[in-house]
C-alpha atoms as a PDB file:
ATOM      1  CA  MET A   1      -0.084  -0.029   0.033  1.00  0.00           C
ATOM      2  CA  GLU A   2       1.296   3.474  -0.915  1.00  0.00           C
ATOM      3  CA  SER A   3       0.619   6.636   1.157  1.00  0.00           C
ATOM      4  CA  ALA A   4       0.683  10.294   0.729  1.00  0.00           C
ATOM      5  CA  ILE A   5       0.646  13.148   3.150  1.00  0.00           C
ATOM      6  CA  LEU A   6      -0.597  16.523   2.015  1.00  0.00           C
ATOM      7  CA  SER A   7      -0.324  19.761   3.740  1.00  0.00           C
ATOM      8  CA  GLY A   8      -1.984  23.016   2.787  1.00  0.00           C
ATOM      9  CA  LYS A   9      -3.188  26.527   4.199  1.00  0.00           C
ATOM     10  CA  SER A  10      -6.734  26.058   2.949  1.00  0.00           C
ATOM     11  CA  LYS A  11      -9.058  23.651   4.739  1.00  0.00           C
ATOM     12  CA  LYS A  12     -11.425  23.961   1.775  1.00  0.00           C
ATOM     13  CA  ASP A  13      -8.702  22.890  -0.773  1.00  0.00           C
ATOM     14  CA  LEU A  14      -7.823  19.965   1.466  1.00  0.00           C
ATOM     15  CA  GLN A  15     -11.364  18.857   1.657  1.00  0.00           C
ATOM     16  CA  LEU A  16     -11.656  18.968  -2.075  1.00  0.00           C
ATOM     17  CA  LEU A  17      -8.660  16.767  -2.455  1.00  0.00           C
ATOM     18  CA  VAL A  18     -10.155  14.329   0.073  1.00  0.00           C
ATOM     19  CA  GLU A  19     -13.411  14.246  -1.879  1.00  0.00           C
ATOM     20  CA  LEU A  20     -11.605  13.751  -5.176  1.00  0.00           C
ATOM     21  CA  ALA A  21      -9.501  10.948  -3.591  1.00  0.00           C
ATOM     22  CA  GLU A  22     -12.694   9.164  -2.428  1.00  0.00           C
ATOM     23  CA  LYS A  23     -14.387   9.463  -5.862  1.00  0.00           C
ATOM     24  CA  LEU A  24     -11.224   7.779  -7.373  1.00  0.00           C
ATOM     25  CA  GLY A  25     -11.547   4.915  -4.870  1.00  0.00           C
ATOM     26  CA  ILE A  26      -8.731   6.069  -2.555  1.00  0.00           C
ATOM     27  CA  LYS A  27      -9.184   6.189   1.137  1.00  0.00           C
ATOM     28  CA  ALA A  28      -8.530   9.811   2.429  1.00  0.00           C
ATOM     29  CA  ARG A  29      -9.199  11.735   5.589  1.00  0.00           C
ATOM     30  CA  ILE A  30      -7.952  14.924   7.284  1.00  0.00           C
ATOM     31  CA  LEU A  31      -5.908  14.404  10.384  1.00  0.00           C
ATOM     32  CA  SER A  32      -6.470  16.008  13.644  1.00  0.00           C
ATOM     33  CA  ALA A  33      -3.797  18.088  15.315  1.00  0.00           C
ATOM     34  CA  GLU A  34      -3.117  15.277  17.843  1.00  0.00           C
ATOM     35  CA  GLU A  35      -2.705  12.710  15.060  1.00  0.00           C
ATOM     36  CA  LYS A  36      -0.317  15.030  13.222  1.00  0.00           C
ATOM     37  CA  GLU A  37       1.625  15.365  16.558  1.00  0.00           C
ATOM     38  CA  ASP A  38       1.727  11.568  16.934  1.00  0.00           C
ATOM     39  CA  LEU A  39       3.190  11.186  13.439  1.00  0.00           C
ATOM     40  CA  VAL A  40       5.994  13.741  14.134  1.00  0.00           C
ATOM     41  CA  LEU A  41       6.855  12.268  17.452  1.00  0.00           C
ATOM     42  CA  GLY A  42       7.082   8.854  15.893  1.00  0.00           C
ATOM     43  CA  LYS A  43       9.280  10.043  13.210  1.00  0.00           C
ATOM     44  CA  ALA A  44      11.608  11.770  15.642  1.00  0.00           C
ATOM     45  CA  ILE A  45      11.800   8.660  17.847  1.00  0.00           C
ATOM     46  CA  LYS A  46      12.794   6.533  14.756  1.00  0.00           C
ATOM     47  CA  GLU A  47      15.369   9.162  13.732  1.00  0.00           C
ATOM     48  CA  GLY A  48      16.878   9.390  17.213  1.00  0.00           C
ATOM     49  CA  ARG A  49      17.157   5.555  17.753  1.00  0.00           C
ATOM     50  CA  THR A  50      20.799   4.353  17.403  1.00  0.00           C
ATOM     51  CA  GLY A  51      20.400   0.782  18.651  1.00  0.00           C
ATOM     52  CA  GLU A  52      23.323   1.563  21.127  1.00  0.00           C
ATOM     53  CA  ILE A  53      22.799   0.459  24.741  1.00  0.00           C
ATOM     54  CA  ILE A  54      23.734   3.098  27.174  1.00  0.00           C
ATOM     55  CA  ASP A  55      24.381   2.977  30.936  1.00  0.00           C
ATOM     56  CA  THR A  56      21.111   3.888  32.926  1.00  0.00           C
ATOM     57  CA  ASP A  57      23.004   5.716  35.606  1.00  0.00           C
ATOM     58  CA  GLU A  58      24.927   8.023  32.970  1.00  0.00           C
ATOM     59  CA  PHE A  59      21.718   8.627  31.292  1.00  0.00           C
ATOM     60  CA  LEU A  60      20.020   9.809  34.463  1.00  0.00           C
ATOM     61  CA  LYS A  61      23.052  11.931  35.231  1.00  0.00           C
ATOM     62  CA  SER A  62      22.858  13.581  31.952  1.00  0.00           C
ATOM     63  CA  LEU A  63      19.401  14.747  32.579  1.00  0.00           C
ATOM     64  CA  LYS A  64      20.331  16.712  35.529  1.00  0.00           C
END
């Protein structure tokens, strides 16, 4: 399955694109602010992962 994310300043234009997608048989919807936050947070987590194991004590000290 392929996906696309569109962003625009006009809610009316985005709604028009959603309607067009649905007429073409493509599932589409407008994301809420919370859903957009979740996507961005998930992306940041993936980019920040190194797979490296770190010492818990050292990590906690670095937060202070």
